[in-house]
Amino acid sequence: MLSPLVETVAAVGILAEIRPEPWRRSWLATHQPAFRAHLAATRQPAPQPSARRASDWPAELRLPVPDPDADPRLLDLTGTDLPPDLTELLDWTWQHVVRPEWPARLRALRADLTARRERAERHGWPAALPHPGPHHRWLPDGRLRLTAPDLPPPPRPSPELLLVPTSARHGWLCPDGSRNRLALVYPTSAAPVPGPHTPPASLGRLLGSARAELLAGLDRPRDTTQLAALTGLGPAAVDDHLTVLLDARLIAGTTTGRYYRTALAEALLSAQPG
């Protein structure tokens, strides 16, 4: 499930963060000056997400559950019941920031969903989405326990669940009015508009094109599903290549199931002529 509204809210949160992630700096340099100028020119500026904890801000908005039948290319702010100043800010951010990038964002988000579905078919959803959020966890029987203290419990124990990827740092929950349907917004940890990760040609000749591309894509920690979405490789193929890179000590793994380049890999990359 893809949502222009969710991604626009994510963009506002990223643009207003006090301590953004370092790999977003180039994107922020492009968009943040105009965003701040727009806020300064607004008579009644919208509430700033930086005034709250970044992980809480989207949840406080009580966004509606995305409509699976809606056009994923259009932002629909009708019926959101948001304050007028915030509605205006979201509309501005969509028109000036998100909409010009939407085709690239859509491709990245769709690739993430596709990769996770493929992994879920092979290994189950706990493997495909191992970290659904800081307050949620998978039970031993494969059910997902969602913890949302600020939301009333749903009328039935197992509401319909929609998965919505976002480029935000944190995810959140969107319940519908009847609370029979929930949208679980989860972070893909992808850059707002992922750029190409082209490895040096010499590295491709040494390691093979797929492993070189994976190594180049590990400019920050990523899990198997994110790497599959980034490279277009199947999750099983990514797993196989990562095993080889692990054995060669070119990458290492974290306790959260992500991988990153070792100092040896960084030295190898920096030594390539291109």
Protein backbone atom coordinates (compact mmCIF):
# COMPACT_ATOMS: atom_id res chain seq x y z
CA MET A 1 0.00 0.00 0.00
CA LEU A 2 1.45 3.37 -1.07
CA SER A 3 0.32 6.76 0.18
CA PRO A 4 1.25 10.24 -1.10
CA LEU A 5 -0.11 11.71 2.17
CA VAL A 6 2.10 9.49 4.34
CA GLU A 7 5.16 10.33 2.24
CA THR A 8 4.38 14.06 2.33
CA VAL A 9 4.08 13.94 6.13
CA ALA A 10 7.40 12.11 6.17
CA ALA A 11 9.00 14.83 4.03
CA VAL A 12 7.78 17.57 6.40
CA GLY A 13 9.22 15.68 9.35
CA ILE A 14 12.60 15.26 7.66
CA LEU A 15 12.74 18.91 6.58
CA ALA A 16 11.99 20.08 10.14
CA GLU A 17 14.26 17.72 12.06
CA ILE A 18 16.86 19.35 14.27
CA ARG A 19 19.36 16.50 13.91
CA PRO A 20 18.73 14.88 10.52
CA GLU A 21 20.56 11.76 9.48
CA PRO A 22 23.88 12.62 7.76
CA TRP A 23 23.04 10.86 4.50
CA ARG A 24 20.10 13.22 3.95
CA ARG A 25 22.29 16.33 3.84
CA SER A 26 22.41 16.64 0.06
CA TRP A 27 18.63 16.35 -0.23
CA LEU A 28 18.11 18.83 2.61
CA ALA A 29 20.47 21.33 0.99
CA THR A 30 18.23 21.23 -2.08
CA HIS A 31 14.86 21.63 -0.34
CA GLN A 32 15.31 23.04 3.16
CA PRO A 33 15.96 26.72 2.24
CA ALA A 34 12.65 27.00 0.35
CA PHE A 35 10.84 25.10 3.10
CA ARG A 36 12.14 27.45 5.78
CA ALA A 37 11.38 30.50 3.65
CA HIS A 38 7.82 29.29 3.21
CA LEU A 39 7.42 28.82 6.96
CA ALA A 40 8.82 32.30 7.60
CA ALA A 41 6.37 33.83 5.13
CA THR A 42 3.35 32.08 6.64
CA ARG A 43 1.34 34.21 9.02
CA GLN A 44 0.33 31.32 11.22
CA PRO A 45 2.96 28.65 10.70
CA ALA A 46 1.92 25.05 11.21
CA PRO A 47 3.00 23.20 14.34
CA GLN A 48 6.62 22.19 14.05
CA PRO A 49 7.43 18.51 14.31
CA SER A 50 10.79 19.48 15.79
CA ALA A 51 8.90 20.78 18.83
CA ARG A 52 7.91 17.19 19.60
CA ARG A 53 9.71 13.90 19.52
CA ALA A 54 10.16 13.01 15.86
CA SER A 55 8.76 9.54 16.43
CA ASP A 56 5.53 10.93 17.95
CA TRP A 57 4.67 13.70 15.53
CA PRO A 58 3.01 11.76 12.68
CA ALA A 59 1.01 9.62 15.12
CA GLU A 60 -0.37 12.76 16.79
CA LEU A 61 -1.87 13.88 13.48
CA ARG A 62 -4.30 10.92 13.46
CA LEU A 63 -3.96 10.52 9.71
CA PRO A 64 -6.67 8.43 8.01
CA VAL A 65 -5.97 4.93 6.76
CA PRO A 66 -4.84 5.21 3.13
CA ASP A 67 -7.47 4.17 0.63
CA PRO A 68 -6.26 1.11 -1.35
CA ASP A 69 -8.37 2.26 -4.31
CA ALA A 70 -7.04 5.84 -4.40
CA ASP A 71 -4.76 7.05 -7.18
CA PRO A 72 -1.21 6.73 -5.77
CA ARG A 73 -0.08 9.67 -7.92
CA LEU A 74 -2.34 12.27 -6.27
CA LEU A 75 -2.39 13.85 -2.82
CA ASP A 76 -5.92 13.96 -1.39
CA LEU A 77 -6.26 16.12 1.72
CA THR A 78 -10.05 16.04 1.85
CA GLY A 79 -11.48 14.42 4.95
CA THR A 80 -8.18 14.47 6.85
CA ASP A 81 -9.58 16.76 9.57
CA LEU A 82 -6.22 18.48 9.96
CA PRO A 83 -5.77 22.14 11.03
CA PRO A 84 -5.91 24.54 8.04
CA ASP A 85 -2.32 25.72 8.57
CA LEU A 86 -1.02 22.17 8.57
CA THR A 87 -3.13 21.28 5.53
CA GLU A 88 -1.59 24.24 3.70
CA LEU A 89 1.94 23.17 4.69
CA LEU A 90 1.35 19.61 3.50
CA ASP A 91 -0.06 20.87 0.21
CA TRP A 92 2.95 23.16 -0.29
CA THR A 93 5.38 20.35 0.53
CA TRP A 94 3.63 18.02 -1.89
CA GLN A 95 3.65 20.55 -4.74
CA HIS A 96 7.22 21.81 -4.30
CA VAL A 97 9.12 18.87 -2.80
CA VAL A 98 7.42 15.49 -3.06
CA ARG A 99 5.48 15.70 -6.32
CA PRO A 100 8.52 16.45 -8.55
CA GLU A 101 10.25 13.42 -7.01
CA TRP A 102 7.17 11.21 -6.84
CA PRO A 103 7.99 8.84 -9.74
CA ALA A 104 11.37 8.01 -8.14
CA ARG A 105 9.85 7.71 -4.69
CA LEU A 106 7.08 5.50 -6.01
CA ARG A 107 9.57 3.15 -7.66
CA ALA A 108 11.62 2.88 -4.46
CA LEU A 109 8.61 2.27 -2.22
CA ARG A 110 7.09 -0.28 -4.60
CA ALA A 111 10.41 -2.09 -4.81
CA ASP A 112 10.55 -2.28 -1.02
CA LEU A 113 7.04 -3.72 -0.79
CA THR A 114 7.73 -6.24 -3.55
CA ALA A 115 10.96 -7.41 -1.93
CA ARG A 116 9.27 -7.83 1.44
CA ARG A 117 6.38 -9.81 -0.05
CA GLU A 118 8.81 -12.12 -1.81
CA ARG A 119 10.75 -12.68 1.41
CA ALA A 120 7.50 -13.23 3.36
CA GLU A 121 6.49 -15.95 0.90
CA ARG A 122 9.79 -17.74 1.53
CA HIS A 123 10.39 -17.10 5.23
CA GLY A 124 7.26 -15.49 6.71
CA TRP A 125 6.47 -11.91 7.67
CA PRO A 126 8.60 -11.83 10.85
CA ALA A 127 11.63 -12.32 8.55
CA ALA A 128 10.35 -9.90 5.91
CA LEU A 129 9.59 -7.12 8.40
CA PRO A 130 11.73 -7.94 11.44
CA HIS A 131 11.51 -4.47 13.00
CA PRO A 132 7.95 -3.17 12.48
CA GLY A 133 8.42 -0.41 15.05
CA PRO A 134 9.96 0.34 18.45
CA HIS A 135 6.78 -0.62 20.32
CA HIS A 136 5.64 -3.59 18.23
CA ARG A 137 6.92 -7.15 18.24
CA TRP A 138 6.32 -10.50 16.64
CA LEU A 139 4.97 -13.28 18.85
CA PRO A 140 6.35 -16.84 18.65
CA ASP A 141 3.25 -17.99 16.74
CA GLY A 142 3.87 -15.42 13.99
CA ARG A 143 1.25 -12.90 15.09
CA LEU A 144 2.17 -9.23 15.33
CA ARG A 145 1.52 -7.42 18.60
CA LEU A 146 0.96 -3.70 17.99
CA THR A 147 1.38 -1.39 20.98
CA ALA A 148 -0.26 2.02 20.73
CA PRO A 149 -0.99 3.47 24.19
CA ASP A 150 -2.68 6.58 22.79
CA LEU A 151 -5.16 4.63 20.64
CA PRO A 152 -8.28 2.86 21.94
CA PRO A 153 -8.26 -0.91 21.44
CA PRO A 154 -9.93 -2.17 18.26
CA PRO A 155 -13.38 -3.78 18.59
CA ARG A 156 -12.01 -7.07 17.28
CA PRO A 157 -8.71 -8.71 18.27
CA SER A 158 -7.29 -8.96 14.72
CA PRO A 159 -8.14 -5.87 12.63
CA GLU A 160 -7.25 -5.76 8.94
CA LEU A 161 -3.66 -4.58 8.57
CA LEU A 162 -2.24 -2.54 5.69
CA LEU A 163 1.52 -2.11 5.32
CA VAL A 164 2.63 1.34 4.14
CA PRO A 165 6.34 2.02 3.48
CA THR A 166 7.77 5.47 4.10
CA SER A 167 11.13 7.23 3.91
CA ALA A 168 10.58 8.69 7.40
CA ARG A 169 12.99 7.77 10.17
CA HIS A 170 10.16 6.32 12.29
CA GLY A 171 6.89 4.57 11.53
CA TRP A 172 3.47 5.00 13.09
CA LEU A 173 -0.07 3.60 13.13
CA CYS A 174 -3.13 4.96 11.29
CA PRO A 175 -6.48 3.55 12.49
CA ASP A 176 -9.74 4.08 10.61
CA GLY A 177 -12.87 5.39 12.30
CA SER A 178 -14.22 1.96 13.18
CA ARG A 179 -10.72 0.74 14.20
CA ASN A 180 -11.41 -2.43 12.21
CA ARG A 181 -8.55 -1.51 9.86
CA LEU A 182 -5.06 -0.33 10.73
CA ALA A 183 -2.27 0.98 8.57
CA LEU A 184 1.18 0.13 9.85
CA VAL A 185 3.55 2.76 8.44
CA TYR A 186 7.06 1.36 8.55
CA PRO A 187 10.37 3.05 7.65
CA THR A 188 12.30 1.70 4.70
CA SER A 189 15.40 3.64 5.80
CA ALA A 190 15.78 4.68 2.18
CA ALA A 191 16.94 8.10 1.17
CA PRO A 192 14.08 10.43 0.16
CA VAL A 193 14.98 9.80 -3.47
CA PRO A 194 17.54 7.01 -3.68
CA GLY A 195 20.36 7.85 -6.04
CA PRO A 196 22.27 5.36 -8.11
CA HIS A 197 24.89 3.31 -6.31
CA THR A 198 27.24 2.60 -9.19
CA PRO A 199 30.36 0.71 -8.12
CA PRO A 200 33.68 1.31 -9.84
CA ALA A 201 34.08 -0.86 -12.94
CA SER A 202 37.30 -2.31 -11.54
CA LEU A 203 35.46 -3.52 -8.45
CA GLY A 204 32.86 -5.22 -10.63
CA ARG A 205 35.60 -7.08 -12.47
CA LEU A 206 37.10 -8.19 -9.16
CA LEU A 207 33.99 -9.22 -7.22
CA GLY A 208 31.37 -9.62 -9.91
CA SER A 209 28.79 -6.97 -10.76
CA ALA A 210 26.13 -8.08 -8.24
CA ARG A 211 28.48 -8.22 -5.24
CA ALA A 212 30.11 -4.95 -6.23
CA GLU A 213 26.70 -3.28 -6.44
CA LEU A 214 25.72 -4.65 -3.03
CA LEU A 215 28.95 -3.39 -1.51
CA ALA A 216 28.44 0.04 -3.05
CA GLY A 217 24.87 0.08 -1.71
CA LEU A 218 26.07 -0.44 1.85
CA ASP A 219 27.01 3.22 2.26
CA ARG A 220 24.98 2.92 5.48
CA PRO A 221 23.52 -0.10 7.29
CA ARG A 222 20.79 -1.90 5.33
CA ASP A 223 18.98 -5.20 5.71
CA THR A 224 18.47 -7.86 3.05
CA THR A 225 15.08 -6.55 2.00
CA GLN A 226 16.37 -3.01 1.55
CA LEU A 227 19.31 -4.27 -0.50
CA ALA A 228 16.96 -6.27 -2.71
CA ALA A 229 14.83 -3.18 -3.29
CA LEU A 230 17.91 -1.06 -3.99
CA THR A 231 19.60 -3.43 -6.44
CA GLY A 232 16.64 -5.23 -8.02
CA LEU A 233 18.08 -8.61 -7.01
CA GLY A 234 15.87 -11.24 -5.45
CA PRO A 235 16.11 -11.63 -1.65
CA ALA A 236 17.55 -15.16 -2.01
CA ALA A 237 20.26 -13.94 -4.36
CA VAL A 238 21.08 -11.08 -1.98
CA ASP A 239 21.44 -13.56 0.89
CA ASP A 240 23.85 -15.69 -1.16
CA HIS A 241 26.02 -12.74 -2.16
CA LEU A 242 26.06 -11.35 1.39
CA THR A 243 27.32 -14.71 2.66
CA VAL A 244 30.29 -14.48 0.31
CA LEU A 245 31.00 -10.87 1.34
CA LEU A 246 30.76 -11.84 5.01
CA ASP A 247 33.20 -14.70 4.52
CA ALA A 248 35.62 -12.29 2.82
CA ARG A 249 35.34 -9.89 5.80
CA LEU A 250 34.17 -7.11 3.49
CA ILE A 251 30.93 -6.61 5.40
CA ALA A 252 29.72 -7.23 8.94
CA GLY A 253 26.27 -7.62 10.45
CA THR A 254 24.46 -5.81 13.27
CA THR A 255 22.24 -7.33 15.94
CA THR A 256 19.22 -5.87 14.13
CA GLY A 257 19.86 -7.83 10.93
CA ARG A 258 21.53 -5.07 8.93
CA TYR A 259 24.89 -5.12 7.18
CA TYR A 260 27.58 -2.52 6.76
CA ARG A 261 30.97 -2.19 5.06
CA THR A 262 34.06 -3.01 7.07
CA ALA A 263 37.24 -0.94 7.10
CA LEU A 264 38.70 -3.43 4.64
CA ALA A 265 35.85 -2.76 2.20
CA GLU A 266 36.19 1.00 2.61
CA ALA A 267 39.89 0.73 1.81
CA LEU A 268 39.12 -1.45 -1.20
CA LEU A 269 36.56 1.01 -2.54
CA SER A 270 38.76 4.05 -2.03
CA ALA A 271 41.62 2.36 -3.86
CA GLN A 272 39.61 1.75 -7.04
CA PRO A 273 40.44 3.95 -10.04
CA GLY A 274 36.82 4.03 -11.20
